[in-house]
Amino acid sequence: MFRRPVLQVLHQCVRRESETASSLVLERSLNRVQLLGRVGQDPVMRQVEGKNPVTIFSLATNEMWRSGESEVYQMGDVSQKTTWHRISVFRPGLRDVAYQYVKKGSRIFVEGKVDYGEYTDKNNVRRQATTIIADNIIFLSDQTKEKS
């Protein structure tokens, strides 16, 4: 079904330097992230002059594991690590929905890709930043609030 268009795209992407030189073939790759966690701050919308606006918020994910070799669950055996992720939403419809409905403490599922970039801070120091560029957000019901 999709074979013909895919082959056409691949042929357009392949460059040949000459008949005798080796050709450049693009390999498939994947940059995909799925996160399930709680929002750490209400979103903000920013716009740099000449660029599209972006909605930004933080998302916390938790990793839990048992310490030791005990198979029996005990509170003292569980360790937890929280990781904070910076989420950026550029897609126009999703950007506006995220800005309006994402709230601190909300439980959400985010799909997107990892982006590594650099910026210059107020002190003119170059810094690196890792961002998740969201292309889908699913709002999950908050069971702790539903019980009240």
C-alpha atoms as a PDB file:
ATOM      1  CA  MET A   1       0.000   0.000   0.000  1.00  0.00           C
ATOM      2  CA  PHE A   2       2.686   2.524   0.997  1.00  0.00           C
ATOM      3  CA  ARG A   3       5.534   0.835  -0.836  1.00  0.00           C
ATOM      4  CA  ARG A   4       5.524   3.031  -3.934  1.00  0.00           C
ATOM      5  CA  PRO A   5       5.488   6.452  -2.136  1.00  0.00           C
ATOM      6  CA  VAL A   6       8.138   5.283   0.343  1.00  0.00           C
ATOM      7  CA  LEU A   7      10.425   4.148  -2.458  1.00  0.00           C
ATOM      8  CA  GLN A   8       9.931   7.455  -4.268  1.00  0.00           C
ATOM      9  CA  VAL A   9      10.887   9.378  -1.133  1.00  0.00           C
ATOM     10  CA  LEU A  10      13.928   7.188  -0.561  1.00  0.00           C
ATOM     11  CA  HIS A  11      15.063   7.622  -4.151  1.00  0.00           C
ATOM     12  CA  GLN A  12      14.736  11.383  -3.783  1.00  0.00           C
ATOM     13  CA  CYS A  13      16.911  11.290  -0.667  1.00  0.00           C
ATOM     14  CA  VAL A  14      19.705   9.214  -2.150  1.00  0.00           C
ATOM     15  CA  ARG A  15      22.495  11.263  -3.697  1.00  0.00           C
ATOM     16  CA  ARG A  16      24.995   9.833  -6.110  1.00  0.00           C
ATOM     17  CA  GLU A  17      28.292  11.630  -6.492  1.00  0.00           C
ATOM     18  CA  SER A  18      29.233   9.718  -9.605  1.00  0.00           C
ATOM     19  CA  GLU A  19      28.733   6.382 -11.278  1.00  0.00           C
ATOM     20  CA  THR A  20      31.961   4.984  -9.833  1.00  0.00           C
ATOM     21  CA  ALA A  21      31.862   6.598  -6.362  1.00  0.00           C
ATOM     22  CA  SER A  22      29.947   4.974  -3.538  1.00  0.00           C
ATOM     23  CA  SER A  23      26.417   6.264  -3.053  1.00  0.00           C
ATOM     24  CA  LEU A  24      24.991   7.744   0.103  1.00  0.00           C
ATOM     25  CA  VAL A  25      22.038   5.776   1.441  1.00  0.00           C
ATOM     26  CA  LEU A  26      19.939   7.123   4.294  1.00  0.00           C
ATOM     27  CA  GLU A  27      19.335   4.713   7.133  1.00  0.00           C
ATOM     28  CA  ARG A  28      16.142   4.651   9.110  1.00  0.00           C
ATOM     29  CA  SER A  29      16.365   5.991  12.622  1.00  0.00           C
ATOM     30  CA  LEU A  30      13.966   6.680  15.457  1.00  0.00           C
ATOM     31  CA  ASN A  31      13.804   9.500  18.000  1.00  0.00           C
ATOM     32  CA  ARG A  32      10.718   8.725  20.075  1.00  0.00           C
ATOM     33  CA  VAL A  33       9.935   9.382  23.735  1.00  0.00           C
ATOM     34  CA  GLN A  34       6.937   8.375  25.840  1.00  0.00           C
ATOM     35  CA  LEU A  35       6.577   9.845  29.328  1.00  0.00           C
ATOM     36  CA  LEU A  36       3.926   9.323  31.984  1.00  0.00           C
ATOM     37  CA  GLY A  37       4.118  11.624  34.966  1.00  0.00           C
ATOM     38  CA  ARG A  38       2.898  14.669  36.848  1.00  0.00           C
ATOM     39  CA  VAL A  39       3.193  18.280  35.744  1.00  0.00           C
ATOM     40  CA  GLY A  40       5.571  20.277  37.950  1.00  0.00           C
ATOM     41  CA  GLN A  41       4.461  23.798  37.044  1.00  0.00           C
ATOM     42  CA  ASP A  42       1.676  25.529  35.151  1.00  0.00           C
ATOM     43  CA  PRO A  43       2.680  26.002  31.516  1.00  0.00           C
ATOM     44  CA  VAL A  44       4.023  29.267  30.157  1.00  0.00           C
ATOM     45  CA  MET A  45       3.793  30.441  26.564  1.00  0.00           C
ATOM     46  CA  ARG A  46       6.827  32.141  25.099  1.00  0.00           C
ATOM     47  CA  GLN A  47       7.470  33.703  21.740  1.00  0.00           C
ATOM     48  CA  VAL A  48      10.809  34.768  20.380  1.00  0.00           C
ATOM     49  CA  GLU A  49      10.616  37.553  17.830  1.00  0.00           C
ATOM     50  CA  GLY A  50      10.076  36.176  14.356  1.00  0.00           C
ATOM     51  CA  LYS A  51       9.332  32.637  15.569  1.00  0.00           C
ATOM     52  CA  ASN A  52       6.196  30.699  16.444  1.00  0.00           C
ATOM     53  CA  PRO A  53       5.077  30.623  20.087  1.00  0.00           C
ATOM     54  CA  VAL A  54       5.864  27.616  22.280  1.00  0.00           C
ATOM     55  CA  THR A  55       4.178  26.271  25.416  1.00  0.00           C
ATOM     56  CA  ILE A  56       6.653  25.035  28.030  1.00  0.00           C
ATOM     57  CA  PHE A  57       6.145  23.065  31.242  1.00  0.00           C
ATOM     58  CA  SER A  58       8.005  20.532  33.377  1.00  0.00           C
ATOM     59  CA  LEU A  59       7.035  16.897  33.908  1.00  0.00           C
ATOM     60  CA  ALA A  60       8.211  14.625  36.718  1.00  0.00           C
ATOM     61  CA  THR A  61       8.639  10.896  36.226  1.00  0.00           C
ATOM     62  CA  ASN A  62       9.450   8.502  39.060  1.00  0.00           C
ATOM     63  CA  GLU A  63      11.533   5.363  39.016  1.00  0.00           C
ATOM     64  CA  MET A  64      11.048   2.962  41.913  1.00  0.00           C
ATOM     65  CA  TRP A  65      13.041  -0.130  42.799  1.00  0.00           C
ATOM     66  CA  ARG A  66      13.607  -2.495  45.681  1.00  0.00           C
ATOM     67  CA  SER A  67      16.866  -2.450  47.584  1.00  0.00           C
ATOM     68  CA  GLY A  68      18.293  -5.756  48.719  1.00  0.00           C
ATOM     69  CA  GLU A  69      17.257  -9.269  47.819  1.00  0.00           C
ATOM     70  CA  SER A  70      13.978  -9.519  49.732  1.00  0.00           C
ATOM     71  CA  GLU A  71      11.065 -10.777  47.619  1.00  0.00           C
ATOM     72  CA  VAL A  72       8.558  -9.583  50.223  1.00  0.00           C
ATOM     73  CA  TYR A  73       7.391  -5.984  49.798  1.00  0.00           C
ATOM     74  CA  GLN A  74       8.389  -3.812  52.745  1.00  0.00           C
ATOM     75  CA  MET A  75       8.375  -0.015  52.875  1.00  0.00           C
ATOM     76  CA  GLY A  76      12.021   0.149  53.954  1.00  0.00           C
ATOM     77  CA  ASP A  77      13.127  -1.733  50.839  1.00  0.00           C
ATOM     78  CA  VAL A  78      11.739   0.689  48.227  1.00  0.00           C
ATOM     79  CA  SER A  79      13.841   3.479  46.734  1.00  0.00           C
ATOM     80  CA  GLN A  80      12.628   6.188  44.397  1.00  0.00           C
ATOM     81  CA  LYS A  81      14.247   8.622  41.974  1.00  0.00           C
ATOM     82  CA  THR A  82      12.431  11.563  40.366  1.00  0.00           C
ATOM     83  CA  THR A  83      13.551  12.857  36.979  1.00  0.00           C
ATOM     84  CA  TRP A  84      12.405  16.241  35.660  1.00  0.00           C
ATOM     85  CA  HIS A  85      11.780  16.753  31.955  1.00  0.00           C
ATOM     86  CA  ARG A  86      11.307  20.040  30.086  1.00  0.00           C
ATOM     87  CA  ILE A  87       8.375  19.706  27.678  1.00  0.00           C
ATOM     88  CA  SER A  88       7.986  22.091  24.718  1.00  0.00           C
ATOM     89  CA  VAL A  89       4.877  22.148  22.540  1.00  0.00           C
ATOM     90  CA  PHE A  90       5.183  23.880  19.155  1.00  0.00           C
ATOM     91  CA  ARG A  91       2.237  22.338  17.255  1.00  0.00           C
ATOM     92  CA  PRO A  92      -0.400  25.116  17.018  1.00  0.00           C
ATOM     93  CA  GLY A  93      -3.538  23.246  18.154  1.00  0.00           C
ATOM     94  CA  LEU A  94      -1.774  21.175  20.784  1.00  0.00           C
ATOM     95  CA  ARG A  95       0.230  24.169  22.010  1.00  0.00           C
ATOM     96  CA  ASP A  96      -2.965  26.097  22.821  1.00  0.00           C
ATOM     97  CA  VAL A  97      -4.698  23.109  24.458  1.00  0.00           C
ATOM     98  CA  ALA A  98      -1.620  22.418  26.587  1.00  0.00           C
ATOM     99  CA  TYR A  99      -1.418  26.051  27.681  1.00  0.00           C
ATOM    100  CA  GLN A 100      -5.084  26.120  28.638  1.00  0.00           C
ATOM    101  CA  TYR A 101      -5.598  22.687  30.252  1.00  0.00           C
ATOM    102  CA  VAL A 102      -2.255  21.411  31.582  1.00  0.00           C
ATOM    103  CA  LYS A 103      -2.065  22.318  35.275  1.00  0.00           C
ATOM    104  CA  LYS A 104       0.469  21.753  38.042  1.00  0.00           C
ATOM    105  CA  GLY A 105      -0.062  18.286  39.530  1.00  0.00           C
ATOM    106  CA  SER A 106      -1.977  16.946  36.510  1.00  0.00           C
ATOM    107  CA  ARG A 107      -1.179  13.408  35.449  1.00  0.00           C
ATOM    108  CA  ILE A 108      -0.440  13.280  31.724  1.00  0.00           C
ATOM    109  CA  PHE A 109       1.094  11.076  29.053  1.00  0.00           C
ATOM    110  CA  VAL A 110       3.410  12.832  26.581  1.00  0.00           C
ATOM    111  CA  GLU A 111       4.721  11.493  23.278  1.00  0.00           C
ATOM    112  CA  GLY A 112       7.409  13.275  21.340  1.00  0.00           C
ATOM    113  CA  LYS A 113      11.101  13.413  20.523  1.00  0.00           C
ATOM    114  CA  VAL A 114      14.285  14.380  22.349  1.00  0.00           C
ATOM    115  CA  ASP A 115      15.989  17.597  21.276  1.00  0.00           C
ATOM    116  CA  TYR A 116      19.431  18.732  22.408  1.00  0.00           C
ATOM    117  CA  GLY A 117      20.176  22.398  22.018  1.00  0.00           C
ATOM    118  CA  GLU A 118      22.263  25.287  23.238  1.00  0.00           C
ATOM    119  CA  TYR A 119      21.368  28.736  24.476  1.00  0.00           C
ATOM    120  CA  THR A 120      23.164  31.712  25.962  1.00  0.00           C
ATOM    121  CA  ASP A 121      22.075  32.691  29.470  1.00  0.00           C
ATOM    122  CA  LYS A 122      21.827  36.189  30.996  1.00  0.00           C
ATOM    123  CA  ASN A 123      25.528  36.124  31.892  1.00  0.00           C
ATOM    124  CA  ASN A 124      26.471  35.370  28.280  1.00  0.00           C
ATOM    125  CA  VAL A 125      27.444  31.763  29.126  1.00  0.00           C
ATOM    126  CA  ARG A 126      26.622  29.013  26.614  1.00  0.00           C
ATOM    127  CA  ARG A 127      24.505  26.273  28.173  1.00  0.00           C
ATOM    128  CA  GLN A 128      23.136  22.985  26.903  1.00  0.00           C
ATOM    129  CA  ALA A 129      19.473  22.072  27.251  1.00  0.00           C
ATOM    130  CA  THR A 130      17.591  18.833  26.725  1.00  0.00           C
ATOM    131  CA  THR A 131      13.937  19.234  25.756  1.00  0.00           C
ATOM    132  CA  ILE A 132      11.132  16.880  24.856  1.00  0.00           C
ATOM    133  CA  ILE A 133       9.297  18.227  21.803  1.00  0.00           C
ATOM    134  CA  ALA A 134       5.732  16.993  22.369  1.00  0.00           C
ATOM    135  CA  ASP A 135       3.539  15.982  19.468  1.00  0.00           C
ATOM    136  CA  ASN A 136       0.819  14.293  21.523  1.00  0.00           C
ATOM    137  CA  ILE A 137      -0.517  14.785  25.061  1.00  0.00           C
ATOM    138  CA  ILE A 138      -3.078  12.549  26.734  1.00  0.00           C
ATOM    139  CA  PHE A 139      -4.791  13.884  29.857  1.00  0.00           C
ATOM    140  CA  LEU A 140      -5.311  11.152  32.441  1.00  0.00           C
ATOM    141  CA  SER A 141      -7.888  11.207  35.192  1.00  0.00           C
ATOM    142  CA  ASP A 142      -6.480  12.006  38.597  1.00  0.00           C
ATOM    143  CA  GLN A 143      -7.789   9.220  40.843  1.00  0.00           C
ATOM    144  CA  THR A 144      -6.768  10.994  44.053  1.00  0.00           C
ATOM    145  CA  LYS A 145      -9.005  13.975  43.203  1.00  0.00           C
ATOM    146  CA  GLU A 146     -11.918  11.820  41.981  1.00  0.00           C
ATOM    147  CA  LYS A 147     -12.344  10.187  45.400  1.00  0.00           C
ATOM    148  CA  SER A 148     -13.164  13.457  47.154  1.00  0.00           C
END
